[in-house]
Amino acid sequence: MLWAGEFGRTPTADPSTKRPGRDHNHYGFTVWMAGGGVKAGMTYGATDDFGMRAVHDRVHVHDLHATILHLMGLDHERLTYRYSGRDFRLTDVHGRVLHEIVA
């Protein structure tokens, strides 16, 4: 099971907008994973004390995608195809599987 939002949320809103609430945050967000080979009851990574930026065990979106594909039994590196002289794949020829969260 996987849950993720489009963006993380900042703990505050930009005062210049004069709107209540919280802003989008692309520097730190939460993804919740359970079952399917994910270690149970663990947290990986952390934001700063204010919740603004990822500061510990940062995960790039390509690493997240590579890990999800691995948990589904697919090797993201084997999904590479060549087009117009460049290699392409879902993880954009990047990404590493986060074995630290795999059971």
C-alpha atoms as a PDB file:
ATOM      1  CA  MET A   1       0.000   0.000   0.000  1.00  0.00           C
ATOM      2  CA  LEU A   2       1.287   3.440  -0.877  1.00  0.00           C
ATOM      3  CA  TRP A   3       0.034   6.911  -0.058  1.00  0.00           C
ATOM      4  CA  ALA A   4       1.677  10.119  -1.219  1.00  0.00           C
ATOM      5  CA  GLY A   5       0.546  13.630  -1.893  1.00  0.00           C
ATOM      6  CA  GLU A   6       1.412  15.850  -4.813  1.00  0.00           C
ATOM      7  CA  PHE A   7       3.537  18.035  -2.524  1.00  0.00           C
ATOM      8  CA  GLY A   8       4.462  18.250   1.106  1.00  0.00           C
ATOM      9  CA  ARG A   9       2.975  21.076   3.133  1.00  0.00           C
ATOM     10  CA  THR A  10       4.834  23.886   4.827  1.00  0.00           C
ATOM     11  CA  PRO A  11       3.908  24.570   8.446  1.00  0.00           C
ATOM     12  CA  THR A  12       2.934  28.152   7.492  1.00  0.00           C
ATOM     13  CA  ALA A  13       1.672  30.216   4.567  1.00  0.00           C
ATOM     14  CA  ASP A  14       3.480  33.045   2.814  1.00  0.00           C
ATOM     15  CA  PRO A  15       2.269  36.198   4.618  1.00  0.00           C
ATOM     16  CA  SER A  16       2.349  38.215   1.381  1.00  0.00           C
ATOM     17  CA  THR A  17      -0.553  36.140  -0.015  1.00  0.00           C
ATOM     18  CA  LYS A  18      -2.807  37.118   2.917  1.00  0.00           C
ATOM     19  CA  ARG A  19      -4.449  33.695   2.694  1.00  0.00           C
ATOM     20  CA  PRO A  20      -4.805  31.388   5.681  1.00  0.00           C
ATOM     21  CA  GLY A  21      -3.456  27.861   5.536  1.00  0.00           C
ATOM     22  CA  ARG A  22      -0.214  26.275   4.449  1.00  0.00           C
ATOM     23  CA  ASP A  23       1.804  26.404   1.246  1.00  0.00           C
ATOM     24  CA  HIS A  24       3.034  23.624  -1.020  1.00  0.00           C
ATOM     25  CA  ASN A  25       6.440  22.298  -0.068  1.00  0.00           C
ATOM     26  CA  HIS A  26       8.652  20.535  -2.604  1.00  0.00           C
ATOM     27  CA  TYR A  27      11.607  20.417  -0.189  1.00  0.00           C
ATOM     28  CA  GLY A  28      10.101  17.901   2.226  1.00  0.00           C
ATOM     29  CA  PHE A  29       7.114  15.575   1.872  1.00  0.00           C
ATOM     30  CA  THR A  30       5.736  12.360   3.309  1.00  0.00           C
ATOM     31  CA  VAL A  31       5.146   9.049   1.589  1.00  0.00           C
ATOM     32  CA  TRP A  32       3.460   6.287   3.562  1.00  0.00           C
ATOM     33  CA  MET A  33       4.126   2.673   2.548  1.00  0.00           C
ATOM     34  CA  ALA A  34       2.876  -0.553   4.118  1.00  0.00           C
ATOM     35  CA  GLY A  35       2.955  -4.237   3.224  1.00  0.00           C
ATOM     36  CA  GLY A  36       4.341  -5.572  -0.029  1.00  0.00           C
ATOM     37  CA  GLY A  37       7.861  -6.075   1.297  1.00  0.00           C
ATOM     38  CA  VAL A  38       8.284  -2.790   3.186  1.00  0.00           C
ATOM     39  CA  LYS A  39       9.787  -2.980   6.688  1.00  0.00           C
ATOM     40  CA  ALA A  40       7.061  -2.517   9.265  1.00  0.00           C
ATOM     41  CA  GLY A  41       6.993   0.242  11.867  1.00  0.00           C
ATOM     42  CA  MET A  42       9.909   2.316  10.666  1.00  0.00           C
ATOM     43  CA  THR A  43      10.557   5.885   9.627  1.00  0.00           C
ATOM     44  CA  TYR A  44      13.128   6.746   6.998  1.00  0.00           C
ATOM     45  CA  GLY A  45      14.352  10.313   6.655  1.00  0.00           C
ATOM     46  CA  ALA A  46      13.411  13.467   8.486  1.00  0.00           C
ATOM     47  CA  THR A  47      12.779  17.152   7.970  1.00  0.00           C
ATOM     48  CA  ASP A  48      14.227  20.009   9.964  1.00  0.00           C
ATOM     49  CA  ASP A  49      12.520  20.993  13.227  1.00  0.00           C
ATOM     50  CA  PHE A  50      10.234  23.402  11.383  1.00  0.00           C
ATOM     51  CA  GLY A  51       9.189  20.852   8.744  1.00  0.00           C
ATOM     52  CA  MET A  52      10.513  22.918   5.856  1.00  0.00           C
ATOM     53  CA  ARG A  53      13.309  20.801   4.338  1.00  0.00           C
ATOM     54  CA  ALA A  54      14.385  17.191   4.256  1.00  0.00           C
ATOM     55  CA  VAL A  55      17.659  17.012   6.169  1.00  0.00           C
ATOM     56  CA  HIS A  56      18.291  13.364   7.053  1.00  0.00           C
ATOM     57  CA  ASP A  57      18.260  10.374   4.668  1.00  0.00           C
ATOM     58  CA  ARG A  58      16.895  12.464   1.824  1.00  0.00           C
ATOM     59  CA  VAL A  59      15.181  10.446  -0.921  1.00  0.00           C
ATOM     60  CA  HIS A  60      15.062  11.596  -4.523  1.00  0.00           C
ATOM     61  CA  VAL A  61      11.870  10.836  -6.429  1.00  0.00           C
ATOM     62  CA  HIS A  62      13.874   8.566  -8.781  1.00  0.00           C
ATOM     63  CA  ASP A  63      14.990   6.504  -5.761  1.00  0.00           C
ATOM     64  CA  LEU A  64      11.390   6.268  -4.556  1.00  0.00           C
ATOM     65  CA  HIS A  65      10.244   5.098  -7.996  1.00  0.00           C
ATOM     66  CA  ALA A  66      13.100   2.570  -8.254  1.00  0.00           C
ATOM     67  CA  THR A  67      12.144   1.199  -4.816  1.00  0.00           C
ATOM     68  CA  ILE A  68       8.440   0.951  -5.662  1.00  0.00           C
ATOM     69  CA  LEU A  69       9.247  -0.886  -8.908  1.00  0.00           C
ATOM     70  CA  HIS A  70      11.572  -3.233  -6.967  1.00  0.00           C
ATOM     71  CA  LEU A  71       8.792  -3.987  -4.476  1.00  0.00           C
ATOM     72  CA  MET A  72       6.545  -4.815  -7.439  1.00  0.00           C
ATOM     73  CA  GLY A  73       9.166  -7.285  -8.694  1.00  0.00           C
ATOM     74  CA  LEU A  74      10.526  -5.110 -11.506  1.00  0.00           C
ATOM     75  CA  ASP A  75      14.129  -4.080 -12.090  1.00  0.00           C
ATOM     76  CA  HIS A  76      13.970  -0.399 -13.030  1.00  0.00           C
ATOM     77  CA  GLU A  77      17.288  -0.650 -14.883  1.00  0.00           C
ATOM     78  CA  ARG A  78      15.877  -3.286 -17.246  1.00  0.00           C
ATOM     79  CA  LEU A  79      13.082  -0.908 -18.282  1.00  0.00           C
ATOM     80  CA  THR A  80      15.582   1.187 -20.265  1.00  0.00           C
ATOM     81  CA  TYR A  81      14.943   1.946 -23.909  1.00  0.00           C
ATOM     82  CA  ARG A  82      17.031   3.947 -26.339  1.00  0.00           C
ATOM     83  CA  TYR A  83      15.440   6.716 -28.369  1.00  0.00           C
ATOM     84  CA  SER A  84      17.185   9.307 -30.511  1.00  0.00           C
ATOM     85  CA  GLY A  85      20.591   8.444 -29.057  1.00  0.00           C
ATOM     86  CA  ARG A  86      19.539   8.722 -25.394  1.00  0.00           C
ATOM     87  CA  ASP A  87      18.580   6.125 -22.803  1.00  0.00           C
ATOM     88  CA  PHE A  88      15.166   6.573 -21.154  1.00  0.00           C
ATOM     89  CA  ARG A  89      13.379   4.776 -18.333  1.00  0.00           C
ATOM     90  CA  LEU A  90      10.809   5.468 -15.642  1.00  0.00           C
ATOM     91  CA  THR A  91      13.562   6.496 -13.240  1.00  0.00           C
ATOM     92  CA  ASP A  92      15.216   8.684 -15.908  1.00  0.00           C
ATOM     93  CA  VAL A  93      18.415   6.586 -15.921  1.00  0.00           C
ATOM     94  CA  HIS A  94      18.883   7.414 -12.236  1.00  0.00           C
ATOM     95  CA  GLY A  95      17.550   5.944  -9.034  1.00  0.00           C
ATOM     96  CA  ARG A  96      18.698   3.392  -6.537  1.00  0.00           C
ATOM     97  CA  VAL A  97      16.594   0.925  -4.617  1.00  0.00           C
ATOM     98  CA  LEU A  98      16.323   1.903  -0.941  1.00  0.00           C
ATOM     99  CA  HIS A  99      17.210  -1.479   0.517  1.00  0.00           C
ATOM    100  CA  GLU A 100      17.101   0.138   3.974  1.00  0.00           C
ATOM    101  CA  ILE A 101      13.300   0.083   3.860  1.00  0.00           C
ATOM    102  CA  VAL A 102      12.853  -3.288   2.146  1.00  0.00           C
ATOM    103  CA  ALA A 103      12.023  -6.142   4.531  1.00  0.00           C
END
